[in-house]
Amino acid sequence: MNKEAKILSYDVNQIMEIIPHRPPFLLIDRVIKTDCETFVEAIKNVTVNEPFFKGHFPNAPIMPGVLIVEATAQAAAILVMGNPGCKGKIPFFMSIDKVKFRKPVVPGDQIHIRIDALRMRESSGKAKAVVKVGDTVVTEAILTFVIADPPKND
């Protein structure tokens, strides 16, 4: 990290200025800290009002693992898209490796997402994601993505 790099935080409105996701698919509520180069820490407050809990599962609500992974991807996108050279581009998943779901996430939990850059290039990247509820690791993954122009709407 550059010695002069600042540690930043973003509220939900600032997040929406950086990444293209919008409610109900925006799965990051706040970036609590990032250096915009090597790491990002974000949170998602999981409430019973989430639309996916109606069907997953009606009498035992659990946040779907695929949405936890999506939240990690959005946090990684914040790290990548915070780079001025990426303005106007979109990060796309290439692969998700070594995913482990260790504990369920339920309404009332606050997930804390830590993304550490493993490799960042102008057109692609790889990052490690660790998701915790309190001090307990609930999910881990390695994310690989490409940074590209958005699809054309012809």
Foldseek 3Di string as FASTA:
>chain_A
DPPPQDKDKDAPVVLVVQAVDDPPLQQFGMWPTDSLAWKTKTKGQAACPNVVQVVCPPVFGFPDPVSVVVNLVSRVSSSPSSDPLLPQKHKDFPDKPPKDFDDTDGHRFMKMKMWGWPDDDSFKGKIWIFIDGVPHTGIIIITIITIGHDDDDD
